């Protein structure tokens, strides 16, 4: 069974009908239409023993221009019990010029649990001619397995994001990126298959036998999806939630 959900702010959770023997899928949407400075959003979910939980978003999240002051804050927490599985599959987060965002994803999982997660960022929509010359972004991902921190990712971009991403050792001109985490017993067996699927602007590493992390860079959101969706389908062992295909 699923342990439960707790959401705050203007977040809403929908539960579309699916196969009787399939996972429980939750689709959340932000009825405010986006996030700006001073907004606060929290989502908490738990998968009880033996459950399979899929969480996705109805559409890409938009982080709009913020007035000087507090950034928009987003906190997501997942707990995955023994024998349970959770798939964290939100669509992209689009950052607009002068956006300010402080976001974190905290995952706590049992030793034999399964977690598949993705976080994608788009720094302005290339087809719309958008650039992000002023940004305040703090993005953190933490995964704890059996009480031990096994993955910690920290991204801080402040100031001219476009100039930073143009630097060869940071983005090489990319304006879209995704981080994929595959954590379950024996996950590292997928490493070579995944590497063969990735473009030159991506990489994959096995941090231990039970954890793979991928990073994908792309010139825009469309190209990012072209590389990302096959990887997620492979790791998921099934098609992605329907909102990804709309």
C-alpha atoms as a PDB file:
ATOM      1  CA  UNK A   1       0.000   0.000   0.000  1.00  0.00           C
ATOM      2  CA  UNK A   2       1.006   3.641  -0.278  1.00  0.00           C
ATOM      3  CA  UNK A   3       1.864   5.316   2.987  1.00  0.00           C
ATOM      4  CA  UNK A   4       0.242   8.633   2.140  1.00  0.00           C
ATOM      5  CA  UNK A   5       0.701  12.098   0.720  1.00  0.00           C
ATOM      6  CA  UNK A   6       1.022  15.564   2.166  1.00  0.00           C
ATOM      7  CA  UNK A   7       1.071  18.628  -0.056  1.00  0.00           C
ATOM      8  CA  UNK A   8       0.987  22.315   0.799  1.00  0.00           C
ATOM      9  CA  UNK A   9       0.697  25.625  -0.996  1.00  0.00           C
ATOM     10  CA  UNK A  10      -1.298  25.589  -4.239  1.00  0.00           C
ATOM     11  CA  UNK A  11      -0.151  22.063  -5.156  1.00  0.00           C
ATOM     12  CA  UNK A  12      -2.854  19.580  -6.097  1.00  0.00           C
ATOM     13  CA  UNK A  13      -2.499  15.830  -6.564  1.00  0.00           C
ATOM     14  CA  UNK A  14      -4.500  13.833  -9.114  1.00  0.00           C
ATOM     15  CA  UNK A  15      -4.745  10.047  -9.246  1.00  0.00           C
ATOM     16  CA  UNK A  16      -5.624   8.861 -12.768  1.00  0.00           C
ATOM     17  CA  UNK A  17      -7.090   5.396 -13.189  1.00  0.00           C
ATOM     18  CA  UNK A  18      -4.621   2.735 -14.216  1.00  0.00           C
ATOM     19  CA  UNK A  19      -4.338  -1.058 -14.412  1.00  0.00           C
ATOM     20  CA  UNK A  20      -5.616  -2.810 -11.322  1.00  0.00           C
ATOM     21  CA  UNK A  21      -2.257  -4.496 -10.787  1.00  0.00           C
ATOM     22  CA  UNK A  22      -0.164  -1.475 -11.782  1.00  0.00           C
ATOM     23  CA  UNK A  23       1.561   1.142  -9.632  1.00  0.00           C
ATOM     24  CA  UNK A  24      -0.244   3.997  -7.957  1.00  0.00           C
ATOM     25  CA  UNK A  25       0.416   7.104 -10.035  1.00  0.00           C
ATOM     26  CA  UNK A  26       0.161  10.602  -8.628  1.00  0.00           C
ATOM     27  CA  UNK A  27       0.136  13.613 -10.959  1.00  0.00           C
ATOM     28  CA  UNK A  28       0.609  16.961  -9.296  1.00  0.00           C
ATOM     29  CA  UNK A  29      -0.101  20.394 -10.656  1.00  0.00           C
ATOM     30  CA  UNK A  30       0.528  23.896  -9.461  1.00  0.00           C
ATOM     31  CA  UNK A  31      -2.723  25.806  -9.697  1.00  0.00           C
ATOM     32  CA  UNK A  32      -0.795  29.074  -9.340  1.00  0.00           C
ATOM     33  CA  UNK A  33       0.661  28.502 -12.816  1.00  0.00           C
ATOM     34  CA  UNK A  34       4.276  28.816 -11.708  1.00  0.00           C
ATOM     35  CA  UNK A  35       6.607  29.818  -8.891  1.00  0.00           C
ATOM     36  CA  UNK A  36       8.020  33.217  -8.036  1.00  0.00           C
ATOM     37  CA  UNK A  37       9.879  34.801  -5.141  1.00  0.00           C
ATOM     38  CA  UNK A  38       8.407  34.109  -1.716  1.00  0.00           C
ATOM     39  CA  UNK A  39       6.297  31.112  -2.815  1.00  0.00           C
ATOM     40  CA  UNK A  40       6.595  27.957  -0.715  1.00  0.00           C
ATOM     41  CA  UNK A  41       5.705  24.443  -1.885  1.00  0.00           C
ATOM     42  CA  UNK A  42       6.102  21.172  -0.011  1.00  0.00           C
ATOM     43  CA  UNK A  43       5.339  17.635  -1.124  1.00  0.00           C
ATOM     44  CA  UNK A  44       5.782  14.577   1.086  1.00  0.00           C
ATOM     45  CA  UNK A  45       5.079  11.010  -0.020  1.00  0.00           C
ATOM     46  CA  UNK A  46       5.736   7.571   1.399  1.00  0.00           C
ATOM     47  CA  UNK A  47       5.655   4.131  -0.202  1.00  0.00           C
ATOM     48  CA  UNK A  48       4.954   1.394   2.335  1.00  0.00           C
ATOM     49  CA  UNK A  49       6.444  -2.081   2.197  1.00  0.00           C
ATOM     50  CA  UNK A  50       5.944  -3.734  -1.194  1.00  0.00           C
ATOM     51  CA  UNK A  51       4.259  -0.693  -2.794  1.00  0.00           C
ATOM     52  CA  UNK A  52       5.063   0.876  -6.184  1.00  0.00           C
ATOM     53  CA  UNK A  53       4.550   4.627  -6.357  1.00  0.00           C
ATOM     54  CA  UNK A  54       4.971   6.808  -9.460  1.00  0.00           C
ATOM     55  CA  UNK A  55       5.009  10.594  -9.122  1.00  0.00           C
ATOM     56  CA  UNK A  56       5.003  12.955 -12.081  1.00  0.00           C
ATOM     57  CA  UNK A  57       3.815  16.448 -12.981  1.00  0.00           C
ATOM     58  CA  UNK A  58       1.015  17.505 -15.281  1.00  0.00           C
ATOM     59  CA  UNK A  59       3.317  19.901 -17.139  1.00  0.00           C
ATOM     60  CA  UNK A  60       6.693  21.586 -16.910  1.00  0.00           C
ATOM     61  CA  UNK A  61       7.087  23.797 -13.843  1.00  0.00           C
ATOM     62  CA  UNK A  62       7.866  27.456 -14.528  1.00  0.00           C
ATOM     63  CA  UNK A  63      10.020  29.612 -12.301  1.00  0.00           C
ATOM     64  CA  UNK A  64       9.183  33.233 -13.054  1.00  0.00           C
ATOM     65  CA  UNK A  65      10.956  36.515 -12.459  1.00  0.00           C
ATOM     66  CA  UNK A  66      11.215  37.246  -8.747  1.00  0.00           C
ATOM     67  CA  UNK A  67      11.237  40.622  -7.074  1.00  0.00           C
ATOM     68  CA  UNK A  68      14.196  41.212  -4.732  1.00  0.00           C
ATOM     69  CA  UNK A  69      13.724  39.282  -1.512  1.00  0.00           C
ATOM     70  CA  UNK A  70      13.133  35.628  -0.728  1.00  0.00           C
ATOM     71  CA  UNK A  71      13.426  33.017  -3.507  1.00  0.00           C
ATOM     72  CA  UNK A  72      10.677  30.557  -4.287  1.00  0.00           C
ATOM     73  CA  UNK A  73      11.110  27.486  -2.096  1.00  0.00           C
ATOM     74  CA  UNK A  74      10.299  23.897  -3.076  1.00  0.00           C
ATOM     75  CA  UNK A  75      10.843  20.945  -0.731  1.00  0.00           C
ATOM     76  CA  UNK A  76      10.094  17.367  -1.843  1.00  0.00           C
ATOM     77  CA  UNK A  77      10.513  14.407   0.506  1.00  0.00           C
ATOM     78  CA  UNK A  78      10.149  10.713  -0.336  1.00  0.00           C
ATOM     79  CA  UNK A  79      10.275   7.719   1.993  1.00  0.00           C
ATOM     80  CA  UNK A  80      10.601   4.254   0.445  1.00  0.00           C
ATOM     81  CA  UNK A  81      10.102   1.259   2.732  1.00  0.00           C
ATOM     82  CA  UNK A  82      11.572  -2.223   2.444  1.00  0.00           C
ATOM     83  CA  UNK A  83      10.649  -3.927  -0.825  1.00  0.00           C
ATOM     84  CA  UNK A  84       8.959  -0.779  -2.128  1.00  0.00           C
ATOM     85  CA  UNK A  85       9.641   1.203  -5.290  1.00  0.00           C
ATOM     86  CA  UNK A  86       9.240   4.902  -6.028  1.00  0.00           C
ATOM     87  CA  UNK A  87       9.655   6.593  -9.410  1.00  0.00           C
ATOM     88  CA  UNK A  88      10.179  10.348  -9.211  1.00  0.00           C
ATOM     89  CA  UNK A  89       9.490  11.530 -12.771  1.00  0.00           C
ATOM     90  CA  UNK A  90       8.557  15.223 -12.890  1.00  0.00           C
ATOM     91  CA  UNK A  91       8.705  17.037 -16.193  1.00  0.00           C
ATOM     92  CA  UNK A  92      11.176  19.850 -16.740  1.00  0.00           C
ATOM     93  CA  UNK A  93      11.630  22.947 -14.620  1.00  0.00           C
ATOM     94  CA  UNK A  94      11.909  26.046 -16.830  1.00  0.00           C
ATOM     95  CA  UNK A  95      13.851  28.953 -15.355  1.00  0.00           C
ATOM     96  CA  UNK A  96      13.091  32.429 -16.671  1.00  0.00           C
ATOM     97  CA  UNK A  97      15.346  35.473 -16.522  1.00  0.00           C
ATOM     98  CA  UNK A  98      15.633  36.936 -12.997  1.00  0.00           C
ATOM     99  CA  UNK A  99      14.168  33.776 -11.442  1.00  0.00           C
ATOM    100  CA  UNK A 100      15.052  32.840  -7.862  1.00  0.00           C
ATOM    101  CA  UNK A 101      14.602  29.245  -6.652  1.00  0.00           C
ATOM    102  CA  UNK A 102      15.702  27.262  -3.610  1.00  0.00           C
ATOM    103  CA  UNK A 103      14.754  23.617  -4.157  1.00  0.00           C
ATOM    104  CA  UNK A 104      15.567  20.298  -2.538  1.00  0.00           C
ATOM    105  CA  UNK A 105      14.699  16.651  -3.022  1.00  0.00           C
ATOM    106  CA  UNK A 106      15.311  14.351  -0.044  1.00  0.00           C
ATOM    107  CA  UNK A 107      14.943  10.599  -0.531  1.00  0.00           C
ATOM    108  CA  UNK A 108      15.088   8.132   2.350  1.00  0.00           C
ATOM    109  CA  UNK A 109      15.033   4.488   1.313  1.00  0.00           C
ATOM    110  CA  UNK A 110      15.462   1.027   2.781  1.00  0.00           C
ATOM    111  CA  UNK A 111      18.438  -1.083   1.725  1.00  0.00           C
ATOM    112  CA  UNK A 112      16.349  -3.253  -0.623  1.00  0.00           C
ATOM    113  CA  UNK A 113      14.067  -0.477  -1.913  1.00  0.00           C
ATOM    114  CA  UNK A 114      14.111   0.868  -5.493  1.00  0.00           C
ATOM    115  CA  UNK A 115      14.307   4.500  -6.540  1.00  0.00           C
ATOM    116  CA  UNK A 116      14.322   5.995 -10.029  1.00  0.00           C
ATOM    117  CA  UNK A 117      14.509   9.769 -10.137  1.00  0.00           C
ATOM    118  CA  UNK A 118      15.011  12.585 -12.614  1.00  0.00           C
ATOM    119  CA  UNK A 119      15.339  16.342 -12.308  1.00  0.00           C
ATOM    120  CA  UNK A 120      15.589  18.465 -15.477  1.00  0.00           C
ATOM    121  CA  UNK A 121      16.391  22.165 -15.751  1.00  0.00           C
ATOM    122  CA  UNK A 122      15.928  24.432 -18.766  1.00  0.00           C
ATOM    123  CA  UNK A 123      17.598  27.836 -18.611  1.00  0.00           C
ATOM    124  CA  UNK A 124      15.283  29.799 -20.887  1.00  0.00           C
ATOM    125  CA  UNK A 125      13.444  28.448 -23.929  1.00  0.00           C
ATOM    126  CA  UNK A 126      15.823  28.565 -26.876  1.00  0.00           C
ATOM    127  CA  UNK A 127      13.069  28.554 -29.513  1.00  0.00           C
ATOM    128  CA  UNK A 128      11.541  31.628 -27.876  1.00  0.00           C
ATOM    129  CA  UNK A 129      14.860  33.454 -27.920  1.00  0.00           C
ATOM    130  CA  UNK A 130      14.997  33.525 -24.119  1.00  0.00           C
ATOM    131  CA  UNK A 131      18.244  33.842 -22.194  1.00  0.00           C
ATOM    132  CA  UNK A 132      18.852  33.820 -18.455  1.00  0.00           C
ATOM    133  CA  UNK A 133      21.296  36.599 -17.644  1.00  0.00           C
ATOM    134  CA  UNK A 134      20.284  36.918 -13.992  1.00  0.00           C
ATOM    135  CA  UNK A 135      19.489  33.903 -11.827  1.00  0.00           C
ATOM    136  CA  UNK A 136      19.571  32.843  -8.197  1.00  0.00           C
ATOM    137  CA  UNK A 137      19.388  29.042  -8.063  1.00  0.00           C
ATOM    138  CA  UNK A 138      20.139  26.576  -5.282  1.00  0.00           C
ATOM    139  CA  UNK A 139      19.221  22.967  -6.136  1.00  0.00           C
ATOM    140  CA  UNK A 140      19.968  20.011  -3.849  1.00  0.00           C
ATOM    141  CA  UNK A 141      19.348  16.271  -4.138  1.00  0.00           C
ATOM    142  CA  UNK A 142      20.079  13.864  -1.274  1.00  0.00           C
ATOM    143  CA  UNK A 143      19.560  10.097  -1.201  1.00  0.00           C
ATOM    144  CA  UNK A 144      19.925   8.108   2.004  1.00  0.00           C
ATOM    145  CA  UNK A 145      19.917   4.328   1.940  1.00  0.00           C
ATOM    146  CA  UNK A 146      19.458   2.445   5.209  1.00  0.00           C
ATOM    147  CA  UNK A 147      20.255   5.645   7.112  1.00  0.00           C
ATOM    148  CA  UNK A 148      23.487   6.387   5.200  1.00  0.00           C
ATOM    149  CA  UNK A 149      23.964   9.267   2.760  1.00  0.00           C
ATOM    150  CA  UNK A 150      24.860   7.648  -0.574  1.00  0.00           C
ATOM    151  CA  UNK A 151      24.326  10.582  -2.946  1.00  0.00           C
ATOM    152  CA  UNK A 152      24.450  14.352  -2.491  1.00  0.00           C
ATOM    153  CA  UNK A 153      24.218  16.729  -5.446  1.00  0.00           C
ATOM    154  CA  UNK A 154      24.516  20.472  -4.962  1.00  0.00           C
ATOM    155  CA  UNK A 155      24.021  23.025  -7.730  1.00  0.00           C
ATOM    156  CA  UNK A 156      24.478  26.755  -7.158  1.00  0.00           C
ATOM    157  CA  UNK A 157      24.142  29.307  -9.945  1.00  0.00           C
ATOM    158  CA  UNK A 158      24.031  32.982  -9.121  1.00  0.00           C
ATOM    159  CA  UNK A 159      24.319  35.884 -11.536  1.00  0.00           C
ATOM    160  CA  UNK A 160      24.636  35.502 -15.297  1.00  0.00           C
ATOM    161  CA  UNK A 161      23.607  31.864 -15.846  1.00  0.00           C
ATOM    162  CA  UNK A 162      24.030  32.084 -19.615  1.00  0.00           C
ATOM    163  CA  UNK A 163      27.652  33.205 -19.291  1.00  0.00           C
ATOM    164  CA  UNK A 164      28.363  30.444 -16.778  1.00  0.00           C
ATOM    165  CA  UNK A 165      26.787  27.748 -18.947  1.00  0.00           C
ATOM    166  CA  UNK A 166      28.800  28.921 -21.948  1.00  0.00           C
ATOM    167  CA  UNK A 167      32.021  28.005 -20.144  1.00  0.00           C
ATOM    168  CA  UNK A 168      33.496  24.776 -21.483  1.00  0.00           C
ATOM    169  CA  UNK A 169      33.952  23.086 -18.105  1.00  0.00           C
ATOM    170  CA  UNK A 170      30.388  23.882 -16.988  1.00  0.00           C
ATOM    171  CA  UNK A 171      27.887  23.638 -19.818  1.00  0.00           C
ATOM    172  CA  UNK A 172      29.721  24.124 -23.063  1.00  0.00           C
ATOM    173  CA  UNK A 173      26.842  26.265 -24.307  1.00  0.00           C
ATOM    174  CA  UNK A 174      24.079  23.899 -23.153  1.00  0.00           C
ATOM    175  CA  UNK A 175      20.906  25.471 -21.765  1.00  0.00           C
ATOM    176  CA  UNK A 176      19.178  22.245 -20.710  1.00  0.00           C
ATOM    177  CA  UNK A 177      20.339  19.541 -18.326  1.00  0.00           C
ATOM    178  CA  UNK A 178      19.013  16.486 -16.536  1.00  0.00           C
ATOM    179  CA  UNK A 179      20.188  14.392 -13.608  1.00  0.00           C
ATOM    180  CA  UNK A 180      19.004  10.782 -13.441  1.00  0.00           C
ATOM    181  CA  UNK A 181      19.407   8.563 -10.368  1.00  0.00           C
ATOM    182  CA  UNK A 182      18.919   4.799 -10.401  1.00  0.00           C
ATOM    183  CA  UNK A 183      19.216   3.252  -6.935  1.00  0.00           C
ATOM    184  CA  UNK A 184      18.377  -0.399  -6.283  1.00  0.00           C
ATOM    185  CA  UNK A 185      20.245  -3.630  -5.567  1.00  0.00           C
ATOM    186  CA  UNK A 186      22.521  -4.411  -8.523  1.00  0.00           C
ATOM    187  CA  UNK A 187      21.728  -1.181 -10.429  1.00  0.00           C
ATOM    188  CA  UNK A 188      25.345  -0.886 -11.619  1.00  0.00           C
ATOM    189  CA  UNK A 189      24.759  -3.803 -14.026  1.00  0.00           C
ATOM    190  CA  UNK A 190      22.965  -1.276 -16.262  1.00  0.00           C
ATOM    191  CA  UNK A 191      25.982   1.017 -16.602  1.00  0.00           C
ATOM    192  CA  UNK A 192      27.423  -0.062 -19.963  1.00  0.00           C
ATOM    193  CA  UNK A 193      23.988  -0.307 -21.576  1.00  0.00           C
ATOM    194  CA  UNK A 194      23.198   3.215 -20.443  1.00  0.00           C
ATOM    195  CA  UNK A 195      26.511   4.621 -21.633  1.00  0.00           C
ATOM    196  CA  UNK A 196      25.841   3.224 -25.096  1.00  0.00           C
ATOM    197  CA  UNK A 197      22.521   5.126 -25.169  1.00  0.00           C
ATOM    198  CA  UNK A 198      23.934   8.514 -24.220  1.00  0.00           C
ATOM    199  CA  UNK A 199      25.066  11.372 -26.481  1.00  0.00           C
ATOM    200  CA  UNK A 200      28.576  12.814 -26.264  1.00  0.00           C
ATOM    201  CA  UNK A 201      27.275  15.550 -23.954  1.00  0.00           C
ATOM    202  CA  UNK A 202      26.282  13.072 -21.240  1.00  0.00           C
ATOM    203  CA  UNK A 203      27.918  10.718 -18.800  1.00  0.00           C
ATOM    204  CA  UNK A 204      27.048   7.932 -16.372  1.00  0.00           C
ATOM    205  CA  UNK A 205      28.850   6.651 -13.288  1.00  0.00           C
ATOM    206  CA  UNK A 206      28.248   3.828 -10.834  1.00  0.00           C
ATOM    207  CA  UNK A 207      28.894   5.286  -7.399  1.00  0.00           C
ATOM    208  CA  UNK A 208      28.527   1.819  -5.878  1.00  0.00           C
ATOM    209  CA  UNK A 209      27.025  -1.515  -6.897  1.00  0.00           C
ATOM    210  CA  UNK A 210      23.533  -0.253  -6.168  1.00  0.00           C
ATOM    211  CA  UNK A 211      23.641   3.329  -7.493  1.00  0.00           C
ATOM    212  CA  UNK A 212      24.033   4.905 -10.936  1.00  0.00           C
ATOM    213  CA  UNK A 213      23.962   8.637 -11.645  1.00  0.00           C
ATOM    214  CA  UNK A 214      23.658  10.181 -15.111  1.00  0.00           C
ATOM    215  CA  UNK A 215      24.037  13.775 -16.263  1.00  0.00           C
ATOM    216  CA  UNK A 216      22.796  14.894 -19.663  1.00  0.00           C
ATOM    217  CA  UNK A 217      23.439  18.281 -21.289  1.00  0.00           C
ATOM    218  CA  UNK A 218      21.620  19.547 -24.375  1.00  0.00           C
ATOM    219  CA  UNK A 219      21.275  22.751 -26.421  1.00  0.00           C
ATOM    220  CA  UNK A 220      17.523  22.961 -25.717  1.00  0.00           C
ATOM    221  CA  UNK A 221      14.629  21.161 -24.079  1.00  0.00           C
ATOM    222  CA  UNK A 222      13.646  19.232 -27.212  1.00  0.00           C
ATOM    223  CA  UNK A 223      17.100  17.713 -27.648  1.00  0.00           C
ATOM    224  CA  UNK A 224      17.213  16.932 -23.944  1.00  0.00           C
ATOM    225  CA  UNK A 225      14.022  14.888 -24.200  1.00  0.00           C
ATOM    226  CA  UNK A 226      15.353  13.031 -27.246  1.00  0.00           C
ATOM    227  CA  UNK A 227      18.179  11.697 -25.088  1.00  0.00           C
ATOM    228  CA  UNK A 228      16.371  11.486 -21.763  1.00  0.00           C
ATOM    229  CA  UNK A 229      13.164   9.624 -22.609  1.00  0.00           C
ATOM    230  CA  UNK A 230      14.840   6.439 -23.967  1.00  0.00           C
ATOM    231  CA  UNK A 231      17.025   6.297 -20.847  1.00  0.00           C
ATOM    232  CA  UNK A 232      14.062   6.684 -18.509  1.00  0.00           C
ATOM    233  CA  UNK A 233      12.037   4.102 -20.419  1.00  0.00           C
ATOM    234  CA  UNK A 234      14.885   1.619 -20.168  1.00  0.00           C
ATOM    235  CA  UNK A 235      15.379   2.146 -16.441  1.00  0.00           C
ATOM    236  CA  UNK A 236      11.639   2.229 -15.794  1.00  0.00           C
ATOM    237  CA  UNK A 237      11.013  -0.977 -17.709  1.00  0.00           C
ATOM    238  CA  UNK A 238       7.838   0.596 -19.111  1.00  0.00           C
ATOM    239  CA  UNK A 239       6.497   3.688 -20.840  1.00  0.00           C
ATOM    240  CA  UNK A 240       6.661   6.952 -18.940  1.00  0.00           C
ATOM    241  CA  UNK A 241       3.522   8.399 -17.304  1.00  0.00           C
ATOM    242  CA  UNK A 242       1.040   9.761 -19.811  1.00  0.00           C
ATOM    243  CA  UNK A 243       1.665  13.491 -19.103  1.00  0.00           C
ATOM    244  CA  UNK A 244       5.143  13.059 -20.606  1.00  0.00           C
ATOM    245  CA  UNK A 245       3.558  12.155 -23.946  1.00  0.00           C
ATOM    246  CA  UNK A 246       1.007  14.988 -24.134  1.00  0.00           C
END
